[in-house]
Amino acid sequence: MRSRDLLLHAYGQIQETLQSALDGLTAEQLGARVGPGANSIAWLAWHLLRVQDDHVAEVAGSEQFLAGLSDDDLDRVVDRRWDPPVTLGVRLVSVLSDDLQHVGQAAYVRGLLG
């Protein structure tokens, strides 16, 4: 399996899992907060998609990116403000990690709502 295929699969899993967490919810359920300071399912979904779009588009320089990746692309430095500098591969895994946390949180809140 190529690195890009693995990343495409992983990001596809986020989309599928998020869709399962959102399917059939009412606007009231999407906006419900289970406690003070808690994020709603709608906010979690918006945030994970916004972060994904922003970070991937920023480092890719285009909207369509993952399908065109080569293994060598993953070693390209995209942020020199860190020590060590952040590579494209590390950034994509970081975004993936953030997305997985938020989609899990959305699924959890859905479970709490019944």
PDB file of N, CA and C in Angstrom:
ATOM      1  N   MET A   1       0.843  -1.169   0.000  1.00  0.00           N
ATOM      2  CA  MET A   1       0.000   0.000   0.000  1.00  0.00           C
ATOM      3  C   MET A   1       0.897   1.243   0.000  1.00  0.00           C
ATOM      4  N   ARG A   2       0.586   2.173  -0.829  1.00  0.00           N
ATOM      5  CA  ARG A   2       1.318   3.438  -0.915  1.00  0.00           C
ATOM      6  C   ARG A   2       0.877   4.368   0.215  1.00  0.00           C
ATOM      7  N   SER A   3       1.762   5.278   0.591  1.00  0.00           N
ATOM      8  CA  SER A   3       1.443   6.225   1.658  1.00  0.00           C
ATOM      9  C   SER A   3       0.189   7.026   1.342  1.00  0.00           C
ATOM     10  N   ARG A   4       0.063   7.489   0.111  1.00  0.00           N
ATOM     11  CA  ARG A   4      -1.114   8.291  -0.233  1.00  0.00           C
ATOM     12  C   ARG A   4      -2.380   7.476  -0.126  1.00  0.00           C
ATOM     13  N   ASP A   5      -2.313   6.179  -0.465  1.00  0.00           N
ATOM     14  CA  ASP A   5      -3.492   5.326  -0.341  1.00  0.00           C
ATOM     15  C   ASP A   5      -3.897   5.160   1.118  1.00  0.00           C
ATOM     16  N   LEU A   6      -2.908   5.029   1.979  1.00  0.00           N
ATOM     17  CA  LEU A   6      -3.179   4.933   3.414  1.00  0.00           C
ATOM     18  C   LEU A   6      -3.828   6.217   3.926  1.00  0.00           C
ATOM     19  N   LEU A   7      -3.299   7.365   3.520  1.00  0.00           N
ATOM     20  CA  LEU A   7      -3.868   8.642   3.947  1.00  0.00           C
ATOM     21  C   LEU A   7      -5.265   8.846   3.386  1.00  0.00           C
ATOM     22  N   LEU A   8      -5.472   8.493   2.126  1.00  0.00           N
ATOM     23  CA  LEU A   8      -6.813   8.602   1.537  1.00  0.00           C
ATOM     24  C   LEU A   8      -7.808   7.738   2.301  1.00  0.00           C
ATOM     25  N   HIS A   9      -7.397   6.539   2.663  1.00  0.00           N
ATOM     26  CA  HIS A   9      -8.269   5.644   3.421  1.00  0.00           C
ATOM     27  C   HIS A   9      -8.567   6.235   4.805  1.00  0.00           C
ATOM     28  N   ALA A  10      -7.546   6.720   5.477  1.00  0.00           N
ATOM     29  CA  ALA A  10      -7.733   7.274   6.819  1.00  0.00           C
ATOM     30  C   ALA A  10      -8.662   8.483   6.801  1.00  0.00           C
ATOM     31  N   TYR A  11      -8.442   9.400   5.870  1.00  0.00           N
ATOM     32  CA  TYR A  11      -9.315  10.567   5.786  1.00  0.00           C
ATOM     33  C   TYR A  11     -10.721  10.175   5.343  1.00  0.00           C
ATOM     34  N   GLY A  12     -10.837   9.145   4.522  1.00  0.00           N
ATOM     35  CA  GLY A  12     -12.154   8.629   4.137  1.00  0.00           C
ATOM     36  C   GLY A  12     -12.900   8.050   5.328  1.00  0.00           C
ATOM     37  N   GLN A  13     -12.175   7.405   6.240  1.00  0.00           N
ATOM     38  CA  GLN A  13     -12.793   6.861   7.451  1.00  0.00           C
ATOM     39  C   GLN A  13     -13.368   7.975   8.323  1.00  0.00           C
ATOM     40  N   ILE A  14     -12.686   9.095   8.372  1.00  0.00           N
ATOM     41  CA  ILE A  14     -13.206  10.229   9.135  1.00  0.00           C
ATOM     42  C   ILE A  14     -14.536  10.671   8.549  1.00  0.00           C
ATOM     43  N   GLN A  15     -14.591  10.791   7.241  1.00  0.00           N
ATOM     44  CA  GLN A  15     -15.823  11.217   6.579  1.00  0.00           C
ATOM     45  C   GLN A  15     -16.958  10.240   6.867  1.00  0.00           C
ATOM     46  N   GLU A  16     -16.688   8.952   6.753  1.00  0.00           N
ATOM     47  CA  GLU A  16     -17.724   7.947   7.003  1.00  0.00           C
ATOM     48  C   GLU A  16     -18.186   7.958   8.452  1.00  0.00           C
ATOM     49  N   THR A  17     -17.252   8.061   9.381  1.00  0.00           N
ATOM     50  CA  THR A  17     -17.591   8.047  10.801  1.00  0.00           C
ATOM     51  C   THR A  17     -18.357   9.312  11.184  1.00  0.00           C
ATOM     52  N   LEU A  18     -17.949  10.443  10.641  1.00  0.00           N
ATOM     53  CA  LEU A  18     -18.669  11.685  10.905  1.00  0.00           C
ATOM     54  C   LEU A  18     -20.091  11.597  10.362  1.00  0.00           C
ATOM     55  N   GLN A  19     -20.237  11.063   9.170  1.00  0.00           N
ATOM     56  CA  GLN A  19     -21.573  10.935   8.590  1.00  0.00           C
ATOM     57  C   GLN A  19     -22.476  10.076   9.483  1.00  0.00           C
ATOM     58  N   SER A  20     -21.931   9.007  10.034  1.00  0.00           N
ATOM     59  CA  SER A  20     -22.701   8.156  10.945  1.00  0.00           C
ATOM     60  C   SER A  20     -23.096   8.919  12.208  1.00  0.00           C
ATOM     61  N   ALA A  21     -22.210   9.762  12.696  1.00  0.00           N
ATOM     62  CA  ALA A  21     -22.500  10.532  13.903  1.00  0.00           C
ATOM     63  C   ALA A  21     -23.562  11.600  13.650  1.00  0.00           C
ATOM     64  N   LEU A  22     -23.688  12.072  12.405  1.00  0.00           N
ATOM     65  CA  LEU A  22     -24.622  13.151  12.083  1.00  0.00           C
ATOM     66  C   LEU A  22     -25.964  12.672  11.555  1.00  0.00           C
ATOM     67  N   ASP A  23     -25.999  11.507  10.931  1.00  0.00           N
ATOM     68  CA  ASP A  23     -27.216  11.019  10.274  1.00  0.00           C
ATOM     69  C   ASP A  23     -28.422  11.002  11.203  1.00  0.00           C
ATOM     70  N   GLY A  24     -29.481  11.630  10.733  1.00  0.00           N
ATOM     71  CA  GLY A  24     -30.758  11.580  11.435  1.00  0.00           C
ATOM     72  C   GLY A  24     -30.913  12.542  12.594  1.00  0.00           C
ATOM     73  N   LEU A  25     -29.882  13.321  12.912  1.00  0.00           N
ATOM     74  CA  LEU A  25     -30.002  14.257  14.026  1.00  0.00           C
ATOM     75  C   LEU A  25     -30.800  15.485  13.609  1.00  0.00           C
ATOM     76  N   THR A  26     -31.577  15.991  14.543  1.00  0.00           N
ATOM     77  CA  THR A  26     -32.319  17.222  14.302  1.00  0.00           C
ATOM     78  C   THR A  26     -31.400  18.415  14.529  1.00  0.00           C
ATOM     79  N   ALA A  27     -31.859  19.579  14.107  1.00  0.00           N
ATOM     80  CA  ALA A  27     -31.094  20.805  14.342  1.00  0.00           C
ATOM     81  C   ALA A  27     -30.904  21.021  15.839  1.00  0.00           C
ATOM     82  N   GLU A  28     -31.922  20.692  16.622  1.00  0.00           N
ATOM     83  CA  GLU A  28     -31.818  20.838  18.075  1.00  0.00           C
ATOM     84  C   GLU A  28     -30.739  19.917  18.648  1.00  0.00           C
ATOM     85  N   GLN A  29     -30.704  18.686  18.172  1.00  0.00           N
ATOM     86  CA  GLN A  29     -29.688  17.742  18.640  1.00  0.00           C
ATOM     87  C   GLN A  29     -28.285  18.179  18.208  1.00  0.00           C
ATOM     88  N   LEU A  30     -28.170  18.661  16.985  1.00  0.00           N
ATOM     89  CA  LEU A  30     -26.866  19.109  16.492  1.00  0.00           C
ATOM     90  C   LEU A  30     -26.322  20.268  17.317  1.00  0.00           C
ATOM     91  N   GLY A  31     -27.209  21.114  17.813  1.00  0.00           N
ATOM     92  CA  GLY A  31     -26.794  22.284  18.580  1.00  0.00           C
ATOM     93  C   GLY A  31     -26.751  22.068  20.079  1.00  0.00           C
ATOM     94  N   ALA A  32     -27.191  20.901  20.544  1.00  0.00           N
ATOM     95  CA  ALA A  32     -27.251  20.642  21.985  1.00  0.00           C
ATOM     96  C   ALA A  32     -25.860  20.601  22.596  1.00  0.00           C
ATOM     97  N   ARG A  33     -25.770  21.125  23.804  1.00  0.00           N
ATOM     98  CA  ARG A  33     -24.524  21.074  24.575  1.00  0.00           C
ATOM     99  C   ARG A  33     -24.810  20.272  25.839  1.00  0.00           C
ATOM    100  N   VAL A  34     -23.995  19.274  26.098  1.00  0.00           N
ATOM    101  CA  VAL A  34     -24.259  18.366  27.220  1.00  0.00           C
ATOM    102  C   VAL A  34     -23.804  18.929  28.563  1.00  0.00           C
ATOM    103  N   GLY A  35     -23.185  20.074  28.550  1.00  0.00           N
ATOM    104  CA  GLY A  35     -22.760  20.712  29.789  1.00  0.00           C
ATOM    105  C   GLY A  35     -22.204  22.090  29.492  1.00  0.00           C
ATOM    106  N   PRO A  36     -22.043  22.885  30.537  1.00  0.00           N
ATOM    107  CA  PRO A  36     -21.472  24.222  30.344  1.00  0.00           C
ATOM    108  C   PRO A  36     -20.066  24.127  29.735  1.00  0.00           C
ATOM    109  N   GLY A  37     -19.866  24.886  28.711  1.00  0.00           N
ATOM    110  CA  GLY A  37     -18.556  24.884  28.063  1.00  0.00           C
ATOM    111  C   GLY A  37     -18.321  23.732  27.104  1.00  0.00           C
ATOM    112  N   ALA A  38     -19.279  22.815  27.008  1.00  0.00           N
ATOM    113  CA  ALA A  38     -19.126  21.678  26.090  1.00  0.00           C
ATOM    114  C   ALA A  38     -19.438  22.124  24.667  1.00  0.00           C
ATOM    115  N   ASN A  39     -18.780  21.499  23.716  1.00  0.00           N
ATOM    116  CA  ASN A  39     -19.035  21.801  22.316  1.00  0.00           C
ATOM    117  C   ASN A  39     -20.214  20.978  21.809  1.00  0.00           C
ATOM    118  N   SER A  40     -20.972  21.570  20.902  1.00  0.00           N
ATOM    119  CA  SER A  40     -22.077  20.845  20.275  1.00  0.00           C
ATOM    120  C   SER A  40     -21.537  19.951  19.161  1.00  0.00           C
ATOM    121  N   ILE A  41     -22.349  19.010  18.732  1.00  0.00           N
ATOM    122  CA  ILE A  41     -21.975  18.153  17.605  1.00  0.00           C
ATOM    123  C   ILE A  41     -21.743  18.998  16.361  1.00  0.00           C
ATOM    124  N   ALA A  42     -22.595  20.002  16.157  1.00  0.00           N
ATOM    125  CA  ALA A  42     -22.442  20.871  14.981  1.00  0.00           C
ATOM    126  C   ALA A  42     -21.096  21.574  15.005  1.00  0.00           C
ATOM    127  N   TRP A  43     -20.700  22.092  16.162  1.00  0.00           N
ATOM    128  CA  TRP A  43     -19.418  22.778  16.256  1.00  0.00           C
ATOM    129  C   TRP A  43     -18.266  21.817  16.004  1.00  0.00           C
ATOM    130  N   LEU A  44     -18.332  20.626  16.600  1.00  0.00           N
ATOM    131  CA  LEU A  44     -17.265  19.639  16.412  1.00  0.00           C
ATOM    132  C   LEU A  44     -17.109  19.279  14.937  1.00  0.00           C
ATOM    133  N   ALA A  45     -18.238  19.062  14.250  1.00  0.00           N
ATOM    134  CA  ALA A  45     -18.187  18.722  12.824  1.00  0.00           C
ATOM    135  C   ALA A  45     -17.600  19.870  12.017  1.00  0.00           C
ATOM    136  N   TRP A  46     -18.083  21.089  12.285  1.00  0.00           N
ATOM    137  CA  TRP A  46     -17.566  22.254  11.565  1.00  0.00           C
ATOM    138  C   TRP A  46     -16.071  22.402  11.806  1.00  0.00           C
ATOM    139  N   HIS A  47     -15.658  22.294  13.062  1.00  0.00           N
ATOM    140  CA  HIS A  47     -14.261  22.512  13.405  1.00  0.00           C
ATOM    141  C   HIS A  47     -13.342  21.489  12.739  1.00  0.00           C
ATOM    142  N   LEU A  48     -13.709  20.230  12.791  1.00  0.00           N
ATOM    143  CA  LEU A  48     -12.811  19.226  12.200  1.00  0.00           C
ATOM    144  C   LEU A  48     -12.709  19.402  10.692  1.00  0.00           C
ATOM    145  N   LEU A  49     -13.811  19.746  10.047  1.00  0.00           N
ATOM    146  CA  LEU A  49     -13.755  19.955   8.596  1.00  0.00           C
ATOM    147  C   LEU A  49     -13.003  21.231   8.249  1.00  0.00           C
ATOM    148  N   ARG A  50     -13.175  22.265   9.044  1.00  0.00           N
ATOM    149  CA  ARG A  50     -12.494  23.536   8.789  1.00  0.00           C
ATOM    150  C   ARG A  50     -10.989  23.400   8.977  1.00  0.00           C
ATOM    151  N   VAL A  51     -10.591  22.740  10.050  1.00  0.00           N
ATOM    152  CA  VAL A  51      -9.161  22.533  10.300  1.00  0.00           C
ATOM    153  C   VAL A  51      -8.556  21.682   9.194  1.00  0.00           C
ATOM    154  N   GLN A  52      -9.268  20.618   8.825  1.00  0.00           N
ATOM    155  CA  GLN A  52      -8.780  19.746   7.761  1.00  0.00           C
ATOM    156  C   GLN A  52      -8.605  20.543   6.472  1.00  0.00           C
ATOM    157  N   ASP A  53      -9.616  21.296   6.092  1.00  0.00           N
ATOM    158  CA  ASP A  53      -9.563  22.080   4.864  1.00  0.00           C
ATOM    159  C   ASP A  53      -8.445  23.113   4.914  1.00  0.00           C
ATOM    160  N   ASP A  54      -8.342  23.829   6.012  1.00  0.00           N
ATOM    161  CA  ASP A  54      -7.340  24.882   6.143  1.00  0.00           C
ATOM    162  C   ASP A  54      -5.924  24.337   6.105  1.00  0.00           C
ATOM    163  N   HIS A  55      -5.650  23.320   6.900  1.00  0.00           N
ATOM    164  CA  HIS A  55      -4.289  22.799   6.997  1.00  0.00           C
ATOM    165  C   HIS A  55      -3.849  22.061   5.742  1.00  0.00           C
ATOM    166  N   VAL A  56      -4.729  21.259   5.197  1.00  0.00           N
ATOM    167  CA  VAL A  56      -4.353  20.499   3.998  1.00  0.00           C
ATOM    168  C   VAL A  56      -4.186  21.429   2.809  1.00  0.00           C
ATOM    169  N   ALA A  57      -5.116  22.371   2.635  1.00  0.00           N
ATOM    170  CA  ALA A  57      -4.997  23.311   1.511  1.00  0.00           C
ATOM    171  C   ALA A  57      -3.754  24.178   1.658  1.00  0.00           C
ATOM    172  N   GLU A  58      -3.449  24.569   2.894  1.00  0.00           N
ATOM    173  CA  GLU A  58      -2.278  25.424   3.131  1.00  0.00           C
ATOM    174  C   GLU A  58      -0.986  24.735   2.719  1.00  0.00           C
ATOM    175  N   VAL A  59      -0.809  23.494   3.131  1.00  0.00           N
ATOM    176  CA  VAL A  59       0.452  22.819   2.833  1.00  0.00           C
ATOM    177  C   VAL A  59       0.491  22.272   1.417  1.00  0.00           C
ATOM    178  N   ALA A  60      -0.679  22.074   0.828  1.00  0.00           N
ATOM    179  CA  ALA A  60      -0.729  21.513  -0.519  1.00  0.00           C
ATOM    180  C   ALA A  60      -0.678  22.591  -1.589  1.00  0.00           C
ATOM    181  N   GLY A  61      -1.226  23.748  -1.258  1.00  0.00           N
ATOM    182  CA  GLY A  61      -1.300  24.802  -2.253  1.00  0.00           C
ATOM    183  C   GLY A  61      -2.397  24.567  -3.268  1.00  0.00           C
ATOM    184  N   SER A  62      -3.295  23.640  -2.978  1.00  0.00           N
ATOM    185  CA  SER A  62      -4.410  23.360  -3.881  1.00  0.00           C
ATOM    186  C   SER A  62      -5.500  22.645  -3.110  1.00  0.00           C
ATOM    187  N   GLU A  63      -6.679  22.546  -3.738  1.00  0.00           N
ATOM    188  CA  GLU A  63      -7.788  21.862  -3.090  1.00  0.00           C
ATOM    189  C   GLU A  63      -7.648  20.344  -3.189  1.00  0.00           C
ATOM    190  N   GLN A  64      -7.188  19.826  -4.314  1.00  0.00           N
ATOM    191  CA  GLN A  64      -7.044  18.389  -4.503  1.00  0.00           C
ATOM    192  C   GLN A  64      -5.583  18.042  -4.199  1.00  0.00           C
ATOM    193  N   PHE A  65      -5.416  17.273  -3.222  1.00  0.00           N
ATOM    194  CA  PHE A  65      -4.032  17.083  -2.777  1.00  0.00           C
ATOM    195  C   PHE A  65      -3.667  15.633  -2.531  1.00  0.00           C
ATOM    196  N   LEU A  66      -4.342  14.913  -1.625  1.00  0.00           N
ATOM    197  CA  LEU A  66      -3.903  13.605  -1.162  1.00  0.00           C
ATOM    198  C   LEU A  66      -3.712  12.596  -2.286  1.00  0.00           C
ATOM    199  N   ALA A  67      -4.602  12.598  -3.283  1.00  0.00           N
ATOM    200  CA  ALA A  67      -4.509  11.615  -4.362  1.00  0.00           C
ATOM    201  C   ALA A  67      -3.235  11.777  -5.190  1.00  0.00           C
ATOM    202  N   GLY A  68      -2.651  12.959  -5.184  1.00  0.00           N
ATOM    203  CA  GLY A  68      -1.458  13.200  -5.974  1.00  0.00           C
ATOM    204  C   GLY A  68      -0.153  13.059  -5.211  1.00  0.00           C
ATOM    205  N   LEU A  69      -0.205  12.623  -3.969  1.00  0.00           N
ATOM    206  CA  LEU A  69       1.003  12.529  -3.144  1.00  0.00           C
ATOM    207  C   LEU A  69       1.924  11.404  -3.567  1.00  0.00           C
ATOM    208  N   SER A  70       3.198  11.663  -3.433  1.00  0.00           N
ATOM    209  CA  SER A  70       4.189  10.597  -3.530  1.00  0.00           C
ATOM    210  C   SER A  70       4.845  10.473  -2.162  1.00  0.00           C
ATOM    211  N   ASP A  71       5.534   9.375  -1.926  1.00  0.00           N
ATOM    212  CA  ASP A  71       6.222   9.207  -0.647  1.00  0.00           C
ATOM    213  C   ASP A  71       7.239  10.324  -0.416  1.00  0.00           C
ATOM    214  N   ASP A  72       7.894  10.764  -1.462  1.00  0.00           N
ATOM    215  CA  ASP A  72       8.868  11.846  -1.333  1.00  0.00           C
ATOM    216  C   ASP A  72       8.219  13.152  -0.888  1.00  0.00           C
ATOM    217  N   ASP A  73       6.967  13.389  -1.316  1.00  0.00           N
ATOM    218  CA  ASP A  73       6.262  14.607  -0.918  1.00  0.00           C
ATOM    219  C   ASP A  73       6.117  14.706   0.595  1.00  0.00           C
ATOM    220  N   LEU A  74       5.977  13.572   1.267  1.00  0.00           N
ATOM    221  CA  LEU A  74       5.735  13.567   2.704  1.00  0.00           C
ATOM    222  C   LEU A  74       6.935  14.077   3.503  1.00  0.00           C
ATOM    223  N   ASP A  75       8.106  14.070   2.898  1.00  0.00           N
ATOM    224  CA  ASP A  75       9.311  14.563   3.569  1.00  0.00           C
ATOM    225  C   ASP A  75       9.522  16.069   3.398  1.00  0.00           C
ATOM    226  N   ARG A  76       8.704  16.703   2.574  1.00  0.00           N
ATOM    227  CA  ARG A  76       8.853  18.143   2.334  1.00  0.00           C
ATOM    228  C   ARG A  76       8.521  18.925   3.599  1.00  0.00           C
ATOM    229  N   VAL A  77       9.384  19.850   3.979  1.00  0.00           N
ATOM    230  CA  VAL A  77       9.165  20.681   5.159  1.00  0.00           C
ATOM    231  C   VAL A  77       8.108  21.731   4.825  1.00  0.00           C
ATOM    232  N   VAL A  78       7.084  21.818   5.687  1.00  0.00           N
ATOM    233  CA  VAL A  78       5.994  22.772   5.468  1.00  0.00           C
ATOM    234  C   VAL A  78       5.924  23.841   6.556  1.00  0.00           C
ATOM    235  N   ASP A  79       6.681  23.662   7.631  1.00  0.00           N
ATOM    236  CA  ASP A  79       6.656  24.644   8.713  1.00  0.00           C
ATOM    237  C   ASP A  79       7.992  24.605   9.451  1.00  0.00           C
ATOM    238  N   ARG A  80       8.773  25.667   9.287  1.00  0.00           N
ATOM    239  CA  ARG A  80      10.105  25.728   9.900  1.00  0.00           C
ATOM    240  C   ARG A  80      10.085  26.393  11.283  1.00  0.00           C
ATOM    241  N   ARG A  81       8.910  26.736  11.783  1.00  0.00           N
ATOM    242  CA  ARG A  81       8.826  27.385  13.097  1.00  0.00           C
ATOM    243  C   ARG A  81       9.048  26.411  14.241  1.00  0.00           C
ATOM    244  N   TRP A  82       9.114  25.131  13.971  1.00  0.00           N
ATOM    245  CA  TRP A  82       9.278  24.106  14.997  1.00  0.00           C
ATOM    246  C   TRP A  82      10.664  23.484  14.918  1.00  0.00           C
ATOM    247  N   ASP A  83      11.094  22.891  16.004  1.00  0.00           N
ATOM    248  CA  ASP A  83      12.365  22.178  16.015  1.00  0.00           C
ATOM    249  C   ASP A  83      12.103  20.759  16.495  1.00  0.00           C
ATOM    250  N   PRO A  84      12.151  19.764  15.643  1.00  0.00           N
ATOM    251  CA  PRO A  84      12.541  19.852  14.240  1.00  0.00           C
ATOM    252  C   PRO A  84      11.414  20.435  13.379  1.00  0.00           C
ATOM    253  N   PRO A  85      11.758  20.918  12.194  1.00  0.00           N
ATOM    254  CA  PRO A  85      10.748  21.450  11.284  1.00  0.00           C
ATOM    255  C   PRO A  85       9.697  20.393  10.954  1.00  0.00           C
ATOM    256  N   VAL A  86       8.483  20.852  10.700  1.00  0.00           N
ATOM    257  CA  VAL A  86       7.354  19.961  10.439  1.00  0.00           C
ATOM    258  C   VAL A  86       7.312  19.598   8.957  1.00  0.00           C
ATOM    259  N   THR A  87       7.252  18.298   8.690  1.00  0.00           N
ATOM    260  CA  THR A  87       7.128  17.828   7.308  1.00  0.00           C
ATOM    261  C   THR A  87       5.657  17.686   6.944  1.00  0.00           C
ATOM    262  N   LEU A  88       5.402  17.550   5.659  1.00  0.00           N
ATOM    263  CA  LEU A  88       4.041  17.346   5.181  1.00  0.00           C
ATOM    264  C   LEU A  88       3.425  16.093   5.798  1.00  0.00           C
ATOM    265  N   GLY A  89       4.188  15.035   5.886  1.00  0.00           N
ATOM    266  CA  GLY A  89       3.677  13.803   6.477  1.00  0.00           C
ATOM    267  C   GLY A  89       3.262  13.992   7.921  1.00  0.00           C
ATOM    268  N   VAL A  90       4.101  14.677   8.699  1.00  0.00           N
ATOM    269  CA  VAL A  90       3.789  14.934  10.101  1.00  0.00           C
ATOM    270  C   VAL A  90       2.549  15.820  10.215  1.00  0.00           C
ATOM    271  N   ARG A  91       2.441  16.835   9.368  1.00  0.00           N
ATOM    272  CA  ARG A  91       1.274  17.730   9.416  1.00  0.00           C
ATOM    273  C   ARG A  91      -0.003  16.975   9.083  1.00  0.00           C
ATOM    274  N   LEU A  92       0.045  16.122   8.073  1.00  0.00           N
ATOM    275  CA  LEU A  92      -1.152  15.365   7.705  1.00  0.00           C
ATOM    276  C   LEU A  92      -1.585  14.413   8.814  1.00  0.00           C
ATOM    277  N   VAL A  93      -0.636  13.805   9.488  1.00  0.00           N
ATOM    278  CA  VAL A  93      -0.971  12.923  10.614  1.00  0.00           C
ATOM    279  C   VAL A  93      -1.511  13.747  11.779  1.00  0.00           C
ATOM    280  N   SER A  94      -0.976  14.933  11.999  1.00  0.00           N
ATOM    281  CA  SER A  94      -1.478  15.815  13.056  1.00  0.00           C
ATOM    282  C   SER A  94      -2.930  16.203  12.799  1.00  0.00           C
ATOM    283  N   VAL A  95      -3.245  16.577  11.564  1.00  0.00           N
ATOM    284  CA  VAL A  95      -4.623  16.918  11.198  1.00  0.00           C
ATOM    285  C   VAL A  95      -5.514  15.694  11.358  1.00  0.00           C
ATOM    286  N   LEU A  96      -5.028  14.550  10.939  1.00  0.00           N
ATOM    287  CA  LEU A  96      -5.781  13.308  11.075  1.00  0.00           C
ATOM    288  C   LEU A  96      -6.087  13.022  12.546  1.00  0.00           C
ATOM    289  N   SER A  97      -5.107  13.197  13.414  1.00  0.00           N
ATOM    290  CA  SER A  97      -5.297  12.980  14.844  1.00  0.00           C
ATOM    291  C   SER A  97      -6.367  13.915  15.409  1.00  0.00           C
ATOM    292  N   ASP A  98      -6.283  15.193  15.054  1.00  0.00           N
ATOM    293  CA  ASP A  98      -7.267  16.167  15.509  1.00  0.00           C
ATOM    294  C   ASP A  98      -8.660  15.792  15.021  1.00  0.00           C
ATOM    295  N   ASP A  99      -8.773  15.419  13.759  1.00  0.00           N
ATOM    296  CA  ASP A  99     -10.060  15.029  13.186  1.00  0.00           C
ATOM    297  C   ASP A  99     -10.636  13.810  13.893  1.00  0.00           C
ATOM    298  N   LEU A 100      -9.799  12.814  14.165  1.00  0.00           N
ATOM    299  CA  LEU A 100     -10.267  11.606  14.843  1.00  0.00           C
ATOM    300  C   LEU A 100     -10.784  11.924  16.243  1.00  0.00           C
ATOM    301  N   GLN A 101     -10.107  12.821  16.938  1.00  0.00           N
ATOM    302  CA  GLN A 101     -10.580  13.213  18.263  1.00  0.00           C
ATOM    303  C   GLN A 101     -11.953  13.869  18.184  1.00  0.00           C
ATOM    304  N   HIS A 102     -12.133  14.781  17.241  1.00  0.00           N
ATOM    305  CA  HIS A 102     -13.409  15.497  17.134  1.00  0.00           C
ATOM    306  C   HIS A 102     -14.542  14.600  16.652  1.00  0.00           C
ATOM    307  N   VAL A 103     -14.269  13.711  15.739  1.00  0.00           N
ATOM    308  CA  VAL A 103     -15.344  12.824  15.285  1.00  0.00           C
ATOM    309  C   VAL A 103     -15.726  11.857  16.407  1.00  0.00           C
ATOM    310  N   GLY A 104     -14.755  11.434  17.203  1.00  0.00           N
ATOM    311  CA  GLY A 104     -15.063  10.599  18.360  1.00  0.00           C
ATOM    312  C   GLY A 104     -15.884  11.354  19.391  1.00  0.00           C
ATOM    313  N   GLN A 105     -15.556  12.613  19.606  1.00  0.00           N
ATOM    314  CA  GLN A 105     -16.318  13.431  20.529  1.00  0.00           C
ATOM    315  C   GLN A 105     -17.761  13.614  20.042  1.00  0.00           C
ATOM    316  N   ALA A 106     -17.926  13.830  18.740  1.00  0.00           N
ATOM    317  CA  ALA A 106     -19.272  13.988  18.177  1.00  0.00           C
ATOM    318  C   ALA A 106     -20.080  12.706  18.365  1.00  0.00           C
ATOM    319  N   ALA A 107     -19.472  11.564  18.121  1.00  0.00           N
ATOM    320  CA  ALA A 107     -20.165  10.284  18.308  1.00  0.00           C
ATOM    321  C   ALA A 107     -20.523  10.076  19.776  1.00  0.00           C
ATOM    322  N   TYR A 108     -19.648  10.454  20.659  1.00  0.00           N
ATOM    323  CA  TYR A 108     -19.904  10.327  22.099  1.00  0.00           C
ATOM    324  C   TYR A 108     -21.082  11.192  22.524  1.00  0.00           C
ATOM    325  N   VAL A 109     -21.083  12.452  22.075  1.00  0.00           N
ATOM    326  CA  VAL A 109     -22.188  13.358  22.414  1.00  0.00           C
ATOM    327  C   VAL A 109     -23.488  12.813  21.847  1.00  0.00           C
ATOM    328  N   ARG A 110     -23.457  12.288  20.646  1.00  0.00           N
ATOM    329  CA  ARG A 110     -24.668  11.696  20.066  1.00  0.00           C
ATOM    330  C   ARG A 110     -25.189  10.572  20.977  1.00  0.00           C
ATOM    331  N   GLY A 111     -24.285   9.755  21.479  1.00  0.00           N
ATOM    332  CA  GLY A 111     -24.698   8.693  22.392  1.00  0.00           C
ATOM    333  C   GLY A 111     -25.317   9.231  23.666  1.00  0.00           C
ATOM    334  N   LEU A 112     -24.777  10.316  24.190  1.00  0.00           N
ATOM    335  CA  LEU A 112     -25.332  10.922  25.392  1.00  0.00           C
ATOM    336  C   LEU A 112     -26.739  11.474  25.155  1.00  0.00           C
ATOM    337  N   LEU A 113     -26.974  11.937  23.923  1.00  0.00           N
ATOM    338  CA  LEU A 113     -28.281  12.518  23.599  1.00  0.00           C
ATOM    339  C   LEU A 113     -29.352  11.449  23.415  1.00  0.00           C
ATOM    340  N   GLY A 114     -28.911  10.213  23.273  1.00  0.00           N
ATOM    341  CA  GLY A 114     -29.874   9.108  23.108  1.00  0.00           C
ATOM    342  C   GLY A 114     -30.183   8.905  21.716  1.00  0.00           C
TER     343      GLY A 114
END
